[in-house]
Amino acid sequence: MLDYLYDGSFSGYLTTLFYAYPLKEEVRIYKELTYSPSLLTTSKYITTEEDKSERVYQSILTKLSYSTLDNLYNIYLSDEVESETLGLKYIKLCYHYGDDINLAKNNDIIRTVDLTCKRVWKEVHRFYGFVRFKEIGPLTFYAAIEPNHNILPLMMGHFKKRFSDQNFIIHDQKRHCAMIYNQQEIYISYLSIEDSHQLAKAEIRDNFEELFKTYYKATTIAERKNPRLQNSWMPKRYYKHLVELD
């Protein structure tokens, strides 16, 4: 068995697919940063090549569909076990049978892909409501999150449109990266651990957070609390960054 490692970027993943696709032996794909070596497998690092990445990208668009490419991107953003290897199996299946294989919902690979994409987007929609900002400078706001999946790229359009008149940073503390918007452009940048700590500590004291906590407590009806229902909509793993639950 052969393990292919890549740098974690989508271009790197597409390059790895380029080299893994024609191989007859079983290949698994992992991010180099999170890979755990095994005595039973051989590992090989695949260097990102933009021309190979572009060839794979255009091939999926023209020979399959945008929907299939979108599914592959969601699989890449998923942090589930063996997700990158699932993407390889999915692309092989689509090229072998054609793009209509996506309609075969009884196929194990197609079903797993659908469920993976749904879990990624379910978390995206949750964080549309779970992000809590604090002011760290004049018209500059900061929020920390720790999602299960790498969802920042999927959230950029929503938050840029919603908060277009202010600067903001949404910090994924689990992956040490942040979505940054300066009222002109929006981008994702990786942060050092030191920068992450400094951002988390930065704050301008205002009354809004305390007002929100007071509002939350005042509108809560103790007799109608339903922790089981609340946890189904707002799992406990998100509580850490919800100021009203401090």
C-alpha atoms as a PDB file:
ATOM      1  CA  MET A   1       0.000   0.000   0.000  1.00  0.00           C
ATOM      2  CA  LEU A   2       1.231   3.486  -0.888  1.00  0.00           C
ATOM      3  CA  ASP A   3       0.528   6.677   1.039  1.00  0.00           C
ATOM      4  CA  TYR A   4       0.728   9.965  -0.872  1.00  0.00           C
ATOM      5  CA  LEU A   5       1.356  13.102   1.184  1.00  0.00           C
ATOM      6  CA  TYR A   6       0.686  16.696   0.111  1.00  0.00           C
ATOM      7  CA  ASP A   7       1.063  20.209   1.523  1.00  0.00           C
ATOM      8  CA  GLY A   8      -2.591  20.668   2.548  1.00  0.00           C
ATOM      9  CA  SER A   9      -3.596  23.079  -0.232  1.00  0.00           C
ATOM     10  CA  PHE A  10      -6.349  22.320  -2.751  1.00  0.00           C
ATOM     11  CA  SER A  11      -3.819  22.700  -5.579  1.00  0.00           C
ATOM     12  CA  GLY A  12      -1.626  20.192  -3.779  1.00  0.00           C
ATOM     13  CA  TYR A  13      -4.553  17.804  -3.442  1.00  0.00           C
ATOM     14  CA  LEU A  14      -5.411  18.046  -7.153  1.00  0.00           C
ATOM     15  CA  THR A  15      -1.742  17.451  -8.024  1.00  0.00           C
ATOM     16  CA  THR A  16      -1.773  14.349  -5.825  1.00  0.00           C
ATOM     17  CA  LEU A  17      -4.925  13.114  -7.578  1.00  0.00           C
ATOM     18  CA  PHE A  18      -3.121  13.554 -10.901  1.00  0.00           C
ATOM     19  CA  TYR A  19      -0.358  11.153  -9.848  1.00  0.00           C
ATOM     20  CA  ALA A  20      -2.536   8.745  -7.832  1.00  0.00           C
ATOM     21  CA  TYR A  21      -5.302   8.262 -10.412  1.00  0.00           C
ATOM     22  CA  PRO A  22      -3.486   6.009 -12.928  1.00  0.00           C
ATOM     23  CA  LEU A  23      -1.854   3.724 -10.341  1.00  0.00           C
ATOM     24  CA  LYS A  24      -3.054   0.120 -10.093  1.00  0.00           C
ATOM     25  CA  GLU A  25      -2.022  -0.372  -6.469  1.00  0.00           C
ATOM     26  CA  GLU A  26      -4.098   0.976  -3.611  1.00  0.00           C
ATOM     27  CA  VAL A  27      -3.206   4.566  -2.736  1.00  0.00           C
ATOM     28  CA  ARG A  28      -4.221   6.601   0.293  1.00  0.00           C
ATOM     29  CA  ILE A  29      -3.850  10.393   0.510  1.00  0.00           C
ATOM     30  CA  TYR A  30      -3.010  12.435   3.603  1.00  0.00           C
ATOM     31  CA  LYS A  31      -1.938  15.935   4.543  1.00  0.00           C
ATOM     32  CA  GLU A  32       1.748  15.865   5.412  1.00  0.00           C
ATOM     33  CA  LEU A  33       1.182  17.869   8.606  1.00  0.00           C
ATOM     34  CA  THR A  34      -1.184  15.314  10.165  1.00  0.00           C
ATOM     35  CA  TYR A  35       0.289  12.106   8.758  1.00  0.00           C
ATOM     36  CA  SER A  36       1.294   9.267  11.100  1.00  0.00           C
ATOM     37  CA  PRO A  37       3.836   6.915   9.443  1.00  0.00           C
ATOM     38  CA  SER A  38       3.286   3.169   9.478  1.00  0.00           C
ATOM     39  CA  LEU A  39       5.724   0.279   9.073  1.00  0.00           C
ATOM     40  CA  LEU A  40       3.216  -1.447   6.799  1.00  0.00           C
ATOM     41  CA  THR A  41       3.054   1.290   4.146  1.00  0.00           C
ATOM     42  CA  THR A  42       5.377   3.318   1.950  1.00  0.00           C
ATOM     43  CA  SER A  43       4.913   7.072   1.902  1.00  0.00           C
ATOM     44  CA  LYS A  44       5.768   9.559  -0.847  1.00  0.00           C
ATOM     45  CA  TYR A  45       5.501  13.336  -0.756  1.00  0.00           C
ATOM     46  CA  ILE A  46       3.901  14.926  -3.830  1.00  0.00           C
ATOM     47  CA  THR A  47       5.103  18.446  -4.573  1.00  0.00           C
ATOM     48  CA  THR A  48       2.395  20.849  -5.707  1.00  0.00           C
ATOM     49  CA  GLU A  49       2.538  21.542  -9.458  1.00  0.00           C
ATOM     50  CA  GLU A  50       0.167  24.253 -10.629  1.00  0.00           C
ATOM     51  CA  ASP A  51       0.036  22.971 -14.220  1.00  0.00           C
ATOM     52  CA  LYS A  52      -0.991  19.468 -13.056  1.00  0.00           C
ATOM     53  CA  SER A  53      -3.505  20.951 -10.635  1.00  0.00           C
ATOM     54  CA  GLU A  54      -5.049  23.071 -13.398  1.00  0.00           C
ATOM     55  CA  ARG A  55      -5.267  20.050 -15.728  1.00  0.00           C
ATOM     56  CA  VAL A  56      -7.206  18.058 -13.134  1.00  0.00           C
ATOM     57  CA  TYR A  57      -9.442  21.047 -12.346  1.00  0.00           C
ATOM     58  CA  GLN A  58     -10.326  21.683 -15.997  1.00  0.00           C
ATOM     59  CA  SER A  59     -10.748  17.979 -16.726  1.00  0.00           C
ATOM     60  CA  ILE A  60     -13.337  17.578 -13.965  1.00  0.00           C
ATOM     61  CA  LEU A  61     -15.177  20.704 -15.159  1.00  0.00           C
ATOM     62  CA  THR A  62     -15.309  19.676 -18.816  1.00  0.00           C
ATOM     63  CA  LYS A  63     -15.582  15.868 -18.634  1.00  0.00           C
ATOM     64  CA  LEU A  64     -17.712  15.624 -15.487  1.00  0.00           C
ATOM     65  CA  SER A  65     -19.424  18.707 -13.990  1.00  0.00           C
ATOM     66  CA  TYR A  66     -19.121  21.685 -11.680  1.00  0.00           C
ATOM     67  CA  SER A  67     -21.259  19.778  -9.158  1.00  0.00           C
ATOM     68  CA  THR A  68     -18.709  16.946  -9.025  1.00  0.00           C
ATOM     69  CA  LEU A  69     -15.861  19.450  -8.621  1.00  0.00           C
ATOM     70  CA  ASP A  70     -17.811  21.125  -5.816  1.00  0.00           C
ATOM     71  CA  ASN A  71     -18.304  17.764  -4.097  1.00  0.00           C
ATOM     72  CA  LEU A  72     -14.574  17.097  -4.349  1.00  0.00           C
ATOM     73  CA  TYR A  73     -13.808  20.503  -2.805  1.00  0.00           C
ATOM     74  CA  ASN A  74     -16.179  19.812   0.089  1.00  0.00           C
ATOM     75  CA  ILE A  75     -14.502  16.427   0.636  1.00  0.00           C
ATOM     76  CA  TYR A  76     -11.133  18.189   0.697  1.00  0.00           C
ATOM     77  CA  LEU A  77     -12.415  20.651   3.324  1.00  0.00           C
ATOM     78  CA  SER A  78     -13.792  17.833   5.443  1.00  0.00           C
ATOM     79  CA  ASP A  79     -11.558  16.745   8.300  1.00  0.00           C
ATOM     80  CA  GLU A  80     -13.082  13.304   8.505  1.00  0.00           C
ATOM     81  CA  VAL A  81     -10.881  10.214   8.552  1.00  0.00           C
ATOM     82  CA  GLU A  82      -9.686   9.157   5.078  1.00  0.00           C
ATOM     83  CA  SER A  83     -11.580  12.023   3.416  1.00  0.00           C
ATOM     84  CA  GLU A  84      -8.833  12.685   0.825  1.00  0.00           C
ATOM     85  CA  THR A  85      -8.754   8.986  -0.086  1.00  0.00           C
ATOM     86  CA  LEU A  86     -12.544   9.068  -0.429  1.00  0.00           C
ATOM     87  CA  GLY A  87     -12.090  11.899  -2.959  1.00  0.00           C
ATOM     88  CA  LEU A  88      -9.746   9.732  -5.039  1.00  0.00           C
ATOM     89  CA  LYS A  89     -12.223   6.836  -5.048  1.00  0.00           C
ATOM     90  CA  TYR A  90     -15.037   9.239  -5.930  1.00  0.00           C
ATOM     91  CA  ILE A  91     -13.231  10.750  -8.914  1.00  0.00           C
ATOM     92  CA  LYS A  92     -12.220   7.318 -10.224  1.00  0.00           C
ATOM     93  CA  LEU A  93     -15.851   6.202  -9.992  1.00  0.00           C
ATOM     94  CA  CYS A  94     -17.125   9.301 -11.815  1.00  0.00           C
ATOM     95  CA  TYR A  95     -14.608   8.976 -14.652  1.00  0.00           C
ATOM     96  CA  HIS A  96     -15.326   5.263 -15.030  1.00  0.00           C
ATOM     97  CA  TYR A  97     -19.126   5.451 -15.128  1.00  0.00           C
ATOM     98  CA  GLY A  98     -19.713   9.088 -16.089  1.00  0.00           C
ATOM     99  CA  ASP A  99     -21.108  11.970 -14.085  1.00  0.00           C
ATOM    100  CA  ASP A 100     -24.569  10.365 -13.848  1.00  0.00           C
ATOM    101  CA  ILE A 101     -23.141   7.949 -11.269  1.00  0.00           C
ATOM    102  CA  ASN A 102     -23.892  10.734  -8.777  1.00  0.00           C
ATOM    103  CA  LEU A 103     -27.550   9.724  -9.087  1.00  0.00           C
ATOM    104  CA  ALA A 104     -26.779   6.202  -7.823  1.00  0.00           C
ATOM    105  CA  LYS A 105     -27.589   6.887  -4.190  1.00  0.00           C
ATOM    106  CA  ASN A 106     -27.324   3.169  -3.326  1.00  0.00           C
ATOM    107  CA  ASN A 107     -23.615   3.185  -4.203  1.00  0.00           C
ATOM    108  CA  ASP A 108     -21.470   3.158  -1.051  1.00  0.00           C
ATOM    109  CA  ILE A 109     -19.009   5.775  -2.307  1.00  0.00           C
ATOM    110  CA  ILE A 110     -21.707   8.140  -3.607  1.00  0.00           C
ATOM    111  CA  ARG A 111     -23.670   7.798  -0.373  1.00  0.00           C
ATOM    112  CA  THR A 112     -20.571   8.532   1.722  1.00  0.00           C
ATOM    113  CA  VAL A 113     -19.737  11.566  -0.442  1.00  0.00           C
ATOM    114  CA  ASP A 114     -23.280  12.930  -0.062  1.00  0.00           C
ATOM    115  CA  LEU A 115     -23.216  12.484   3.712  1.00  0.00           C
ATOM    116  CA  THR A 116     -19.765  14.088   3.985  1.00  0.00           C
ATOM    117  CA  CYS A 117     -20.827  17.143   1.981  1.00  0.00           C
ATOM    118  CA  LYS A 118     -24.002  17.479   4.051  1.00  0.00           C
ATOM    119  CA  ARG A 119     -22.035  17.400   7.302  1.00  0.00           C
ATOM    120  CA  VAL A 120     -19.648  20.079   6.045  1.00  0.00           C
ATOM    121  CA  TRP A 121     -22.457  22.408   4.959  1.00  0.00           C
ATOM    122  CA  LYS A 122     -24.495  21.720   8.087  1.00  0.00           C
ATOM    123  CA  GLU A 123     -21.597  23.079  10.113  1.00  0.00           C
ATOM    124  CA  VAL A 124     -21.242  26.082   7.766  1.00  0.00           C
ATOM    125  CA  HIS A 125     -24.890  27.035   8.347  1.00  0.00           C
ATOM    126  CA  ARG A 126     -24.523  26.532  12.079  1.00  0.00           C
ATOM    127  CA  PHE A 127     -21.629  28.968  12.211  1.00  0.00           C
ATOM    128  CA  TYR A 128     -23.591  31.596  10.339  1.00  0.00           C
ATOM    129  CA  GLY A 129     -25.376  31.939  13.680  1.00  0.00           C
ATOM    130  CA  PHE A 130     -22.703  30.774  16.148  1.00  0.00           C
ATOM    131  CA  VAL A 131     -19.985  33.347  15.391  1.00  0.00           C
ATOM    132  CA  ARG A 132     -19.633  35.866  18.236  1.00  0.00           C
ATOM    133  CA  PHE A 133     -17.600  39.009  17.534  1.00  0.00           C
ATOM    134  CA  LYS A 134     -15.801  41.247  20.017  1.00  0.00           C
ATOM    135  CA  GLU A 135     -14.341  44.664  19.226  1.00  0.00           C
ATOM    136  CA  ILE A 136     -10.525  44.768  19.179  1.00  0.00           C
ATOM    137  CA  GLY A 137     -10.148  48.164  17.484  1.00  0.00           C
ATOM    138  CA  PRO A 138     -12.226  50.957  15.924  1.00  0.00           C
ATOM    139  CA  LEU A 139     -14.707  49.185  13.623  1.00  0.00           C
ATOM    140  CA  THR A 140     -12.533  46.069  13.838  1.00  0.00           C
ATOM    141  CA  PHE A 141     -14.034  42.889  15.212  1.00  0.00           C
ATOM    142  CA  TYR A 142     -12.668  39.463  16.101  1.00  0.00           C
ATOM    143  CA  ALA A 143     -14.302  36.064  16.571  1.00  0.00           C
ATOM    144  CA  ALA A 144     -12.798  32.695  17.475  1.00  0.00           C
ATOM    145  CA  ILE A 145     -14.214  29.371  16.291  1.00  0.00           C
ATOM    146  CA  GLU A 146     -13.121  25.727  16.388  1.00  0.00           C
ATOM    147  CA  PRO A 147     -15.209  23.877  13.785  1.00  0.00           C
ATOM    148  CA  ASN A 148     -14.874  20.181  13.013  1.00  0.00           C
ATOM    149  CA  HIS A 149     -14.264  20.948   9.341  1.00  0.00           C
ATOM    150  CA  ASN A 150     -12.169  23.515   7.471  1.00  0.00           C
ATOM    151  CA  ILE A 151     -15.166  25.724   6.703  1.00  0.00           C
ATOM    152  CA  LEU A 152     -13.653  29.233   6.533  1.00  0.00           C
ATOM    153  CA  PRO A 153     -13.434  29.199   2.698  1.00  0.00           C
ATOM    154  CA  LEU A 154     -17.155  28.380   2.489  1.00  0.00           C
ATOM    155  CA  MET A 155     -18.124  31.212   4.875  1.00  0.00           C
ATOM    156  CA  MET A 156     -16.310  34.075   3.133  1.00  0.00           C
ATOM    157  CA  GLY A 157     -19.131  35.239   0.854  1.00  0.00           C
ATOM    158  CA  HIS A 158     -21.727  35.278   3.627  1.00  0.00           C
ATOM    159  CA  PHE A 159     -19.708  37.329   6.118  1.00  0.00           C
ATOM    160  CA  LYS A 160     -18.329  39.730   3.517  1.00  0.00           C
ATOM    161  CA  LYS A 161     -21.876  40.559   2.427  1.00  0.00           C
ATOM    162  CA  ARG A 162     -23.242  40.743   5.955  1.00  0.00           C
ATOM    163  CA  PHE A 163     -20.461  42.881   7.481  1.00  0.00           C
ATOM    164  CA  SER A 164     -19.248  44.811   4.440  1.00  0.00           C
ATOM    165  CA  ASP A 165     -18.947  48.109   6.365  1.00  0.00           C
ATOM    166  CA  GLN A 166     -16.461  46.917   9.000  1.00  0.00           C
ATOM    167  CA  ASN A 167     -13.158  45.120   9.396  1.00  0.00           C
ATOM    168  CA  PHE A 168     -13.301  41.651  10.878  1.00  0.00           C
ATOM    169  CA  ILE A 169     -11.260  38.558  11.627  1.00  0.00           C
ATOM    170  CA  ILE A 170     -12.756  35.097  12.074  1.00  0.00           C
ATOM    171  CA  HIS A 171     -10.074  32.935  13.624  1.00  0.00           C
ATOM    172  CA  ASP A 172     -10.119  29.139  13.259  1.00  0.00           C
ATOM    173  CA  GLN A 173      -8.075  28.294  16.345  1.00  0.00           C
ATOM    174  CA  LYS A 174      -8.029  24.590  15.543  1.00  0.00           C
ATOM    175  CA  ARG A 175      -6.199  25.131  12.232  1.00  0.00           C
ATOM    176  CA  HIS A 176      -4.285  28.345  13.107  1.00  0.00           C
ATOM    177  CA  CYS A 177      -5.757  30.319  10.229  1.00  0.00           C
ATOM    178  CA  ALA A 178      -8.105  33.275   9.927  1.00  0.00           C
ATOM    179  CA  MET A 179     -10.543  34.877   7.521  1.00  0.00           C
ATOM    180  CA  ILE A 180      -9.560  38.543   7.275  1.00  0.00           C
ATOM    181  CA  TYR A 181     -11.642  41.346   5.738  1.00  0.00           C
ATOM    182  CA  ASN A 182     -10.496  44.993   5.498  1.00  0.00           C
ATOM    183  CA  GLN A 183     -13.537  46.474   3.693  1.00  0.00           C
ATOM    184  CA  GLN A 184     -11.741  46.017   0.363  1.00  0.00           C
ATOM    185  CA  GLU A 185     -10.661  42.399   0.096  1.00  0.00           C
ATOM    186  CA  ILE A 186     -11.243  39.173   1.962  1.00  0.00           C
ATOM    187  CA  TYR A 187      -8.697  36.390   2.273  1.00  0.00           C
ATOM    188  CA  ILE A 188      -7.534  33.531   4.483  1.00  0.00           C
ATOM    189  CA  SER A 189      -4.163  33.745   6.178  1.00  0.00           C
ATOM    190  CA  TYR A 190      -2.281  31.280   8.359  1.00  0.00           C
ATOM    191  CA  LEU A 191      -1.328  32.577  11.804  1.00  0.00           C
ATOM    192  CA  SER A 192       1.544  31.722  14.094  1.00  0.00           C
ATOM    193  CA  ILE A 193       0.669  30.429  17.560  1.00  0.00           C
ATOM    194  CA  GLU A 194       1.967  33.708  19.012  1.00  0.00           C
ATOM    195  CA  ASP A 195      -0.272  35.788  16.719  1.00  0.00           C
ATOM    196  CA  SER A 196      -3.198  33.557  17.614  1.00  0.00           C
ATOM    197  CA  HIS A 197      -2.686  34.185  21.337  1.00  0.00           C
ATOM    198  CA  GLN A 198      -2.355  37.949  20.837  1.00  0.00           C
ATOM    199  CA  LEU A 199      -5.569  38.126  18.816  1.00  0.00           C
ATOM    200  CA  ALA A 200      -7.471  36.059  21.365  1.00  0.00           C
ATOM    201  CA  LYS A 201      -6.422  38.426  24.174  1.00  0.00           C
ATOM    202  CA  ALA A 202      -7.058  41.688  22.283  1.00  0.00           C
ATOM    203  CA  GLU A 203     -10.245  43.474  23.319  1.00  0.00           C
ATOM    204  CA  ILE A 204     -11.831  46.882  23.747  1.00  0.00           C
ATOM    205  CA  ARG A 205     -14.085  47.052  26.750  1.00  0.00           C
ATOM    206  CA  ASP A 206     -17.656  47.915  25.802  1.00  0.00           C
ATOM    207  CA  ASN A 207     -21.106  47.226  27.157  1.00  0.00           C
ATOM    208  CA  PHE A 208     -22.491  45.311  24.199  1.00  0.00           C
ATOM    209  CA  GLU A 209     -21.301  41.867  25.321  1.00  0.00           C
ATOM    210  CA  GLU A 210     -22.661  42.352  28.837  1.00  0.00           C
ATOM    211  CA  LEU A 211     -25.912  43.663  27.375  1.00  0.00           C
ATOM    212  CA  PHE A 212     -26.215  40.560  25.191  1.00  0.00           C
ATOM    213  CA  LYS A 213     -25.610  38.278  28.200  1.00  0.00           C
ATOM    214  CA  THR A 214     -28.243  40.151  30.185  1.00  0.00           C
ATOM    215  CA  TYR A 215     -30.721  39.879  27.294  1.00  0.00           C
ATOM    216  CA  TYR A 216     -30.064  36.143  26.950  1.00  0.00           C
ATOM    217  CA  LYS A 217     -30.683  35.532  30.674  1.00  0.00           C
ATOM    218  CA  ALA A 218     -33.744  37.784  30.760  1.00  0.00           C
ATOM    219  CA  THR A 219     -35.439  36.012  27.848  1.00  0.00           C
ATOM    220  CA  THR A 220     -34.721  32.522  29.157  1.00  0.00           C
ATOM    221  CA  ILE A 221     -37.746  30.855  30.741  1.00  0.00           C
ATOM    222  CA  ALA A 222     -36.364  28.460  33.355  1.00  0.00           C
ATOM    223  CA  GLU A 223     -39.460  26.236  33.343  1.00  0.00           C
ATOM    224  CA  ARG A 224     -39.165  25.673  29.616  1.00  0.00           C
ATOM    225  CA  LYS A 225     -35.494  24.739  29.448  1.00  0.00           C
ATOM    226  CA  ASN A 226     -34.862  21.690  27.295  1.00  0.00           C
ATOM    227  CA  PRO A 227     -31.111  20.882  27.333  1.00  0.00           C
ATOM    228  CA  ARG A 228     -31.524  17.852  25.069  1.00  0.00           C
ATOM    229  CA  LEU A 229     -33.244  19.896  22.367  1.00  0.00           C
ATOM    230  CA  GLN A 230     -30.772  22.766  22.801  1.00  0.00           C
ATOM    231  CA  ASN A 231     -27.794  20.422  22.359  1.00  0.00           C
ATOM    232  CA  SER A 232     -29.280  18.975  19.175  1.00  0.00           C
ATOM    233  CA  TRP A 233     -29.236  22.459  17.614  1.00  0.00           C
ATOM    234  CA  MET A 234     -26.226  23.871  19.437  1.00  0.00           C
ATOM    235  CA  PRO A 235     -23.788  21.066  20.424  1.00  0.00           C
ATOM    236  CA  LYS A 236     -21.697  21.535  23.555  1.00  0.00           C
ATOM    237  CA  ARG A 237     -18.454  21.615  21.568  1.00  0.00           C
ATOM    238  CA  TYR A 238     -19.457  25.117  20.395  1.00  0.00           C
ATOM    239  CA  TYR A 239     -20.215  26.501  23.879  1.00  0.00           C
ATOM    240  CA  LYS A 240     -16.634  27.646  24.503  1.00  0.00           C
ATOM    241  CA  HIS A 241     -16.969  30.585  22.083  1.00  0.00           C
ATOM    242  CA  LEU A 242     -20.585  31.551  22.820  1.00  0.00           C
ATOM    243  CA  VAL A 243     -20.355  34.502  25.202  1.00  0.00           C
ATOM    244  CA  GLU A 244     -23.958  34.205  26.391  1.00  0.00           C
ATOM    245  CA  LEU A 245     -23.182  30.772  27.837  1.00  0.00           C
ATOM    246  CA  ASP A 246     -20.151  31.856  29.890  1.00  0.00           C
END
